[in-house]
Amino acid sequence: MVLEEGKAPSALRGFVSGGERVVVLLWTSGDGGHAFLCRYHPTQGFRWVQREDLMGYKALSDGRSLDGTPLERTPLKPVLEELAHAVVAHCRAGHQLLPELQLLVDLLSPGDTLL
């Protein structure tokens, strides 16, 4: 994955009762762009994860809903920090790291200046 220089991903997040969150990360890259969508609990891991091409999700914005949860634009850094905690919690609970999470691991890897 090659991120376009100067183009940080945008983040949308919604809160679900019971502490779960729904998140959408949208970004452009050399191959067009990506949408990373998930529902998770920061201390329990992921309920579902989805990776899509950006085209179908460009229209997502404040007030739109995903998985029945209203989304609002959110600063990227706290969302990525919380997602990192969810990855650790997911692994500690003995769950297999889903292939779709590799994209998130790439985003969190040193060398890409997203924050």
Protein backbone atom coordinates (compact mmCIF):
# COMPACT_ATOMS: atom_id res chain seq x y z
CA MET A 1 0.00 0.00 0.00
CA VAL A 2 1.39 3.38 -1.00
CA LEU A 3 -0.22 6.39 0.63
CA GLU A 4 -0.40 9.64 -1.31
CA GLU A 5 1.87 12.19 0.27
CA GLY A 6 0.04 14.78 2.34
CA LYS A 7 -3.22 12.84 2.30
CA ALA A 8 -3.98 11.55 5.79
CA PRO A 9 -6.95 9.20 6.12
CA SER A 10 -10.19 10.66 7.39
CA ALA A 11 -12.03 9.00 10.24
CA LEU A 12 -15.71 8.65 11.07
CA ARG A 13 -16.82 7.04 14.32
CA GLY A 14 -20.03 6.17 16.09
CA PHE A 15 -20.66 4.87 19.60
CA VAL A 16 -22.85 1.84 20.27
CA SER A 17 -24.39 0.94 23.62
CA GLY A 18 -22.19 -1.43 25.60
CA GLY A 19 -19.00 0.41 24.66
CA GLU A 20 -18.65 -0.80 21.06
CA ARG A 21 -17.68 1.57 18.29
CA VAL A 22 -18.22 1.62 14.54
CA VAL A 23 -15.38 3.20 12.58
CA VAL A 24 -14.76 4.08 8.96
CA LEU A 25 -11.30 5.11 7.77
CA LEU A 26 -11.13 6.54 4.24
CA TRP A 27 -7.94 7.34 2.35
CA THR A 28 -6.48 7.66 -1.11
CA SER A 29 -3.40 5.79 -2.21
CA GLY A 30 -1.43 5.02 -5.33
CA ASP A 31 -3.91 2.30 -6.22
CA GLY A 32 -7.03 4.48 -5.87
CA GLY A 33 -8.02 4.35 -2.23
CA HIS A 34 -9.45 2.26 0.53
CA ALA A 35 -12.24 2.14 3.06
CA PHE A 36 -11.60 0.28 6.30
CA LEU A 37 -14.81 -0.37 8.24
CA CYS A 38 -15.19 -2.16 11.55
CA ARG A 39 -17.18 -2.66 14.71
CA TYR A 40 -15.17 -3.28 17.85
CA HIS A 41 -14.84 -2.85 21.57
CA PRO A 42 -11.52 -1.27 22.58
CA THR A 43 -10.87 -3.83 25.34
CA GLN A 44 -12.49 -6.90 23.75
CA GLY A 45 -11.52 -6.77 20.08
CA PHE A 46 -13.38 -6.81 16.80
CA ARG A 47 -16.91 -7.97 16.05
CA TRP A 48 -16.49 -7.47 12.28
CA VAL A 49 -13.98 -5.95 9.89
CA GLN A 50 -14.37 -5.05 6.26
CA ARG A 51 -12.03 -3.62 3.64
CA GLU A 52 -13.40 -2.07 0.46
CA ASP A 53 -12.35 0.13 -2.41
CA LEU A 54 -12.89 3.79 -1.65
CA MET A 55 -15.38 4.43 -4.46
CA GLY A 56 -18.42 3.03 -2.66
CA TYR A 57 -17.76 4.98 0.53
CA LYS A 58 -16.68 8.46 -0.60
CA ALA A 59 -20.17 9.77 0.22
CA LEU A 60 -20.01 8.73 3.90
CA SER A 61 -20.05 11.82 6.06
CA ASP A 62 -21.23 13.21 9.38
CA GLY A 63 -24.70 12.01 10.28
CA ARG A 64 -24.71 8.98 7.96
CA SER A 65 -25.19 5.61 9.63
CA LEU A 66 -23.31 2.34 9.40
CA ASP A 67 -24.54 -0.82 11.09
CA GLY A 68 -27.37 1.27 12.56
CA THR A 69 -24.94 3.68 14.20
CA PRO A 70 -24.75 7.40 13.33
CA LEU A 71 -21.21 8.47 12.40
CA GLU A 72 -19.40 11.73 13.02
CA ARG A 73 -16.05 13.01 11.79
CA THR A 74 -13.38 12.31 14.36
CA PRO A 75 -9.68 13.19 14.66
CA LEU A 76 -7.56 10.36 13.27
CA LYS A 77 -4.99 9.96 16.04
CA PRO A 78 -7.33 8.88 18.90
CA VAL A 79 -9.17 6.51 16.55
CA LEU A 80 -5.91 4.82 15.50
CA GLU A 81 -4.78 4.56 19.13
CA GLU A 82 -8.07 2.96 20.11
CA LEU A 83 -7.92 0.57 17.13
CA ALA A 84 -4.42 -0.46 18.18
CA HIS A 85 -5.78 -1.33 21.64
CA ALA A 86 -8.55 -3.34 20.01
CA VAL A 87 -6.00 -5.31 17.94
CA VAL A 88 -4.08 -6.20 21.12
CA ALA A 89 -7.30 -7.14 22.97
CA HIS A 90 -8.43 -9.25 20.02
CA CYS A 91 -5.17 -11.21 20.05
CA ARG A 92 -5.09 -11.55 23.85
CA ALA A 93 -8.58 -13.05 23.73
CA GLY A 94 -7.16 -15.79 21.52
CA HIS A 95 -8.88 -14.67 18.33
CA GLN A 96 -7.12 -14.99 15.01
CA LEU A 97 -6.05 -11.72 13.43
CA LEU A 98 -8.35 -11.32 10.43
CA PRO A 99 -6.72 -10.71 7.02
CA GLU A 100 -8.67 -7.45 6.69
CA LEU A 101 -6.81 -6.14 9.75
CA GLN A 102 -3.51 -6.26 7.84
CA LEU A 103 -4.49 -2.96 6.25
CA LEU A 104 -4.83 -1.47 9.73
CA VAL A 105 -1.46 -2.93 10.73
CA ASP A 106 0.02 -1.24 7.63
CA LEU A 107 -1.48 2.09 8.71
CA LEU A 108 -0.03 1.75 12.19
CA SER A 109 3.42 0.64 11.03
CA PRO A 110 6.39 2.97 11.55
CA GLY A 111 7.49 4.82 8.46
CA ASP A 112 4.09 6.03 7.28
CA THR A 113 3.53 9.51 8.65
CA LEU A 114 -0.23 9.62 9.07
CA LEU A 115 -0.47 11.42 12.38
